Structures are given as structure tokens and as C-alpha cells.
Amino acid sequence: MTTATLTADHGHTHGAGGAATPEHQPHHTTLGLDHRKIAIWAFIGSECMLFISLISTYLIYKGKSLVGPYPHEKWTDPNTGETFNAILNIPVTSASTFVLLMSSLAMVLAHNAVINRTGKAKWWLLTTILLGTGFLGFQAYEFTSFVHEGLTIKTNLFGSSFFTLTGFHGAHVTVGVLWLCTLLAIDLKRGLKPEDGLIVDLSALYWHFVDVVWIAIFTLVYLIP
């Protein structure tokens, strides 16, 4: 038996014995991070550019609508002469913001529960899902009330930029809720283990991202006249 054959046989036995073979090794980049985490950060970076453009568009067109409704000012319907208050409902949106921020806390506790094997991950994931769904319910209520008050995406510049900006954010929250539902299904089926911490961490990064974006939207759109 030649030396090459011995070497080949040794390498084959080493792989079959359960040692770290290439397909079982974590796929790390040159930065020392898993390639999936690099990918989610790159995705979040591209999404930041998207929301920066949407927020900038809203701010550029803010106050330039020729007809009402307006976000912070009273307005008069030219057809009926009826006067209406500002369209934005700050108390309702403040409540929805609080709900979304609490969902971010629940997501942190869910990730910690997975890492520490406390057995409570499913409950914190469910809490995050319910809070995220509650935020979407607030947004649906707000959109419906705006339509009833005469504001649609076609009404004026404010309506077009507002519905586009908040609608895109709502779509991202919906994606996050569906993502968390898949994690909850995995946990119910086989249980999330500490080695699953990375996939939970990736979803947590995305969820915290949509929360931070909403804080920016809430401040610039709702709080600043």
C-alpha cells in the first residue's frame, strides 16, 4: 500500500468519524462572522437607504399640498365650507409606538430564552407576534379613519407620501411577523436549541430594525409640525 493510499484512507476515516468536515464547519467570512449575519446586515443597510429616500421624499413635499387634509393644520373643505382638525391622531399613534417598542423587548427575551434553554422562548415569540400584529391593527385603524376623513393616496402630496412611507413600513412589519411565526412553528415542532441562536438572532436584528425605523418615522412625521 502506497503512502498516498494511506493518506487518502486516513482522510476518509477522519471525515467519517464525525470530526469537523468541511460541510459541518460554520461558514465564517474573513471578518470572523457567519456569512448569514453579514448578509442580514447588508440587507438592513440596503433597507436603510430605501427608508431614507422615502422619509426624505415625505419631508421635501411636506407642507406643499394645495388641498387638504393636512397633517398638523386645520383645513376647510372648499366644496362644503366645513372646517376639519389636523388629520394625524397623535395619541393613537403613540399607543401603537409603545406596542411596537414592547415587542422589541419581547424579542430580546425570546432570544435569551433560546440561548439559555429556559423553555420560555415560545411564549416570548408569541408575545412578539401578538404585539407586532397589534401594531398592524393600529395602522389599519389609522388608515381607515384617514380614508373616512377624505385622505387617500391620491388626495394630495401629503397623502401620497404618507401612505407610501407608512405603508412600506407596515409591509416590513408584516414580513417580520410571518418570519417570527416560522420560528414559533419550529419551536413547537422540535424546540429551539442554543445552536439555533443564530437564526433567532437574525430575525431579532430585522425586528429591531423595523422598530428603529418606526421611531424615526414617528418623530419626523407625527411629532414635528
Protein backbone atom coordinates (compact mmCIF):
# COMPACT_ATOMS: atom_id res chain seq x y z
CA MET A 1 0.00 0.00 0.00
CA THR A 2 1.48 3.35 -1.03
CA THR A 3 1.86 6.41 1.14
CA ALA A 4 -0.73 8.26 -0.98
CA THR A 5 -3.25 5.48 -0.37
CA LEU A 6 -2.63 5.59 3.38
CA THR A 7 -3.07 9.35 3.35
CA ALA A 8 -6.31 9.09 1.39
CA ASP A 9 -7.65 6.36 3.67
CA HIS A 10 -6.74 8.37 6.76
CA GLY A 11 -8.53 11.47 5.42
CA HIS A 12 -11.62 9.42 4.58
CA THR A 13 -11.72 7.82 8.03
CA HIS A 14 -11.28 11.20 9.70
CA GLY A 15 -14.30 12.59 7.84
CA ALA A 16 -16.49 9.56 8.53
CA GLY A 17 -15.62 9.51 12.22
CA GLY A 18 -17.65 12.66 12.89
CA ALA A 19 -14.75 15.09 13.06
CA ALA A 20 -15.15 18.55 11.65
CA THR A 21 -15.62 18.00 7.93
CA PRO A 22 -15.94 20.96 5.57
CA GLU A 23 -19.69 20.57 5.26
CA HIS A 24 -20.14 20.65 9.06
CA GLN A 25 -17.92 23.64 9.71
CA PRO A 26 -19.58 27.04 10.27
CA HIS A 27 -19.37 29.20 7.18
CA HIS A 28 -17.42 32.16 8.51
CA THR A 29 -16.24 35.12 6.48
CA THR A 30 -12.81 36.73 6.74
CA LEU A 31 -14.31 39.05 9.36
CA GLY A 32 -14.94 36.09 11.64
CA LEU A 33 -18.74 36.41 11.33
CA ASP A 34 -21.13 33.88 9.91
CA HIS A 35 -21.96 34.67 6.28
CA ARG A 36 -25.69 34.76 7.14
CA LYS A 37 -25.11 37.55 9.64
CA ILE A 38 -23.11 39.52 7.09
CA ALA A 39 -25.97 39.01 4.64
CA ILE A 40 -28.62 40.32 7.05
CA TRP A 41 -26.51 43.39 7.86
CA ALA A 42 -26.06 44.07 4.14
CA PHE A 43 -29.82 43.68 3.66
CA ILE A 44 -30.54 46.06 6.55
CA GLY A 45 -28.11 48.56 5.04
CA SER A 46 -29.98 48.49 1.73
CA GLU A 47 -33.30 48.86 3.56
CA CYS A 48 -31.91 51.89 5.39
CA MET A 49 -31.25 53.52 2.04
CA LEU A 50 -34.82 52.75 0.97
CA PHE A 51 -36.37 54.32 4.05
CA ILE A 52 -34.02 57.30 3.94
CA SER A 53 -35.27 58.02 0.42
CA LEU A 54 -38.91 57.61 1.46
CA ILE A 55 -38.54 59.82 4.54
CA SER A 56 -36.63 62.43 2.52
CA THR A 57 -39.40 62.46 -0.09
CA TYR A 58 -42.01 62.99 2.60
CA LEU A 59 -40.05 65.86 4.15
CA ILE A 60 -39.46 67.50 0.76
CA TYR A 61 -43.18 67.53 -0.07
CA LYS A 62 -44.34 68.32 3.45
CA GLY A 63 -46.43 71.49 3.54
CA LYS A 64 -46.71 71.72 -0.25
CA SER A 65 -50.17 70.17 -0.66
CA LEU A 66 -52.55 72.55 -2.41
CA VAL A 67 -55.66 70.94 -0.90
CA GLY A 68 -56.47 69.29 2.46
CA PRO A 69 -56.46 67.26 4.56
CA TYR A 70 -53.22 68.40 6.17
CA PRO A 71 -51.19 66.58 8.82
CA HIS A 72 -50.94 69.23 11.57
CA GLU A 73 -53.14 72.15 10.45
CA LYS A 74 -56.87 72.70 10.39
CA TRP A 75 -58.34 72.78 6.89
CA THR A 76 -61.60 73.78 5.24
CA ASP A 77 -63.34 71.71 2.59
CA PRO A 78 -63.72 74.07 -0.42
CA ASN A 79 -66.91 72.29 -1.52
CA THR A 80 -68.83 72.36 1.75
CA GLY A 81 -67.03 75.04 3.74
CA GLU A 82 -66.75 72.64 6.65
CA THR A 83 -63.66 73.01 8.87
CA PHE A 84 -61.70 69.95 9.98
CA ASN A 85 -58.96 69.46 12.54
CA ALA A 86 -55.48 68.14 11.75
CA ILE A 87 -55.58 64.63 10.32
CA LEU A 88 -52.89 62.97 12.45
CA ASN A 89 -54.04 61.33 15.68
CA ILE A 90 -51.01 61.58 17.98
CA PRO A 91 -52.47 59.67 21.00
CA VAL A 92 -53.41 56.63 18.89
CA THR A 93 -50.05 56.58 17.13
CA SER A 94 -48.24 56.98 20.46
CA ALA A 95 -50.04 53.88 21.73
CA SER A 96 -49.06 51.91 18.62
CA THR A 97 -45.46 53.07 19.01
CA PHE A 98 -45.40 51.84 22.60
CA VAL A 99 -46.76 48.46 21.46
CA LEU A 100 -44.03 48.11 18.85
CA LEU A 101 -41.29 49.06 21.32
CA MET A 102 -42.57 46.44 23.80
CA SER A 103 -42.43 43.86 21.00
CA SER A 104 -38.73 44.63 20.62
CA LEU A 105 -38.23 43.89 24.33
CA ALA A 106 -40.14 40.63 23.97
CA MET A 107 -37.89 39.68 21.03
CA VAL A 108 -34.79 40.19 23.19
CA LEU A 109 -36.27 37.94 25.88
CA ALA A 110 -37.14 35.30 23.26
CA HIS A 111 -33.55 35.23 22.01
CA ASN A 112 -32.22 34.96 25.57
CA ALA A 113 -34.65 32.14 26.29
CA VAL A 114 -33.33 30.18 23.30
CA ILE A 115 -29.69 30.70 24.28
CA ASN A 116 -30.24 29.84 27.95
CA ARG A 117 -32.70 26.94 27.38
CA THR A 118 -35.28 28.38 29.76
CA GLY A 119 -38.17 26.82 27.84
CA LYS A 120 -39.97 30.18 27.56
CA ALA A 121 -38.91 31.03 24.02
CA LYS A 122 -42.27 30.06 22.53
CA TRP A 123 -44.13 32.36 24.90
CA TRP A 124 -41.90 35.34 24.18
CA LEU A 125 -42.08 34.67 20.44
CA LEU A 126 -45.87 34.51 20.69
CA THR A 127 -45.86 37.77 22.66
CA THR A 128 -43.74 39.45 19.99
CA ILE A 129 -46.07 38.19 17.25
CA LEU A 130 -49.17 39.44 19.08
CA LEU A 131 -47.62 42.85 19.74
CA GLY A 132 -46.50 43.14 16.11
CA THR A 133 -49.98 42.19 14.96
CA GLY A 134 -51.42 44.75 17.37
CA PHE A 135 -49.26 47.45 15.79
CA LEU A 136 -50.58 46.46 12.36
CA GLY A 137 -54.11 46.67 13.76
CA PHE A 138 -53.43 50.24 14.92
CA GLN A 139 -52.10 51.09 11.48
CA ALA A 140 -55.16 49.59 9.75
CA TYR A 141 -57.42 51.62 12.05
CA GLU A 142 -55.46 54.78 11.27
CA PHE A 143 -55.56 54.22 7.52
CA THR A 144 -59.30 53.51 7.62
CA SER A 145 -60.03 56.65 9.64
CA PHE A 146 -57.96 58.74 7.24
CA VAL A 147 -59.92 57.43 4.26
CA HIS A 148 -63.19 58.26 6.04
CA GLU A 149 -61.92 61.80 6.60
CA GLY A 150 -61.13 62.22 2.92
CA LEU A 151 -57.41 61.43 2.83
CA THR A 152 -56.26 58.79 0.35
CA ILE A 153 -53.05 58.16 -1.53
CA LYS A 154 -54.49 60.19 -4.43
CA THR A 155 -55.85 63.15 -2.46
CA ASN A 156 -52.74 65.35 -2.25
CA LEU A 157 -48.96 65.27 -1.87
CA PHE A 158 -49.25 64.61 1.84
CA GLY A 159 -51.49 61.60 1.27
CA SER A 160 -49.24 60.16 -1.44
CA SER A 161 -46.00 60.48 0.54
CA PHE A 162 -47.58 59.50 3.88
CA PHE A 163 -49.30 56.32 2.70
CA THR A 164 -46.24 55.26 0.71
CA LEU A 165 -43.88 55.73 3.66
CA THR A 166 -46.03 54.17 6.39
CA GLY A 167 -47.38 51.51 4.03
CA PHE A 168 -43.87 50.29 3.20
CA HIS A 169 -43.06 50.15 6.90
CA GLY A 170 -46.25 48.21 7.60
CA ALA A 171 -45.28 45.73 4.88
CA HIS A 172 -41.91 45.22 6.58
CA VAL A 173 -43.60 44.63 9.93
CA THR A 174 -45.86 42.06 8.25
CA VAL A 175 -42.82 40.23 6.87
CA GLY A 176 -41.30 40.27 10.36
CA VAL A 177 -44.46 38.80 11.92
CA LEU A 178 -44.51 35.99 9.34
CA TRP A 179 -40.82 35.31 10.00
CA LEU A 180 -41.48 35.05 13.73
CA CYS A 181 -44.39 32.71 13.05
CA THR A 182 -42.00 30.30 11.31
CA LEU A 183 -39.68 30.39 14.35
CA LEU A 184 -42.62 29.70 16.65
CA ALA A 185 -43.65 26.76 14.45
CA ILE A 186 -40.11 25.35 14.66
CA ASP A 187 -40.10 25.76 18.43
CA LEU A 188 -43.45 23.99 18.77
CA LYS A 189 -42.35 21.16 16.48
CA ARG A 190 -38.88 20.30 17.77
CA GLY A 191 -37.87 23.06 20.15
CA LEU A 192 -35.35 25.83 19.52
CA LYS A 193 -31.93 24.97 20.93
CA PRO A 194 -28.88 27.14 21.69
CA GLU A 195 -27.38 26.10 18.34
CA ASP A 196 -30.43 27.75 16.74
CA GLY A 197 -29.45 31.02 18.37
CA LEU A 198 -28.12 32.44 15.12
CA ILE A 199 -31.39 32.13 13.18
CA VAL A 200 -33.23 33.74 16.10
CA ASP A 201 -30.58 36.46 16.24
CA LEU A 202 -31.08 37.21 12.53
CA SER A 203 -34.82 37.63 12.98
CA ALA A 204 -34.19 39.80 16.06
CA LEU A 205 -31.88 42.08 14.07
CA TYR A 206 -34.58 42.55 11.43
CA TRP A 207 -37.26 43.17 14.06
CA HIS A 208 -35.18 45.76 15.89
CA PHE A 209 -34.51 47.43 12.54
CA VAL A 210 -38.22 47.94 11.79
CA ASP A 211 -38.66 49.31 15.33
CA VAL A 212 -35.86 51.85 14.91
CA VAL A 213 -37.25 52.91 11.53
CA TRP A 214 -40.66 53.48 13.09
CA ILE A 215 -39.14 55.68 15.81
CA ALA A 216 -37.66 57.85 13.06
CA ILE A 217 -40.97 57.96 11.18
CA PHE A 218 -42.97 58.71 14.32
CA THR A 219 -40.64 61.56 15.27
CA LEU A 220 -40.37 63.19 11.84
CA VAL A 221 -43.95 62.66 10.62
CA TYR A 222 -46.07 62.85 13.75
CA LEU A 223 -44.21 64.89 16.34
CA ILE A 224 -42.60 67.63 14.25
CA PRO A 225 -45.22 70.08 12.87
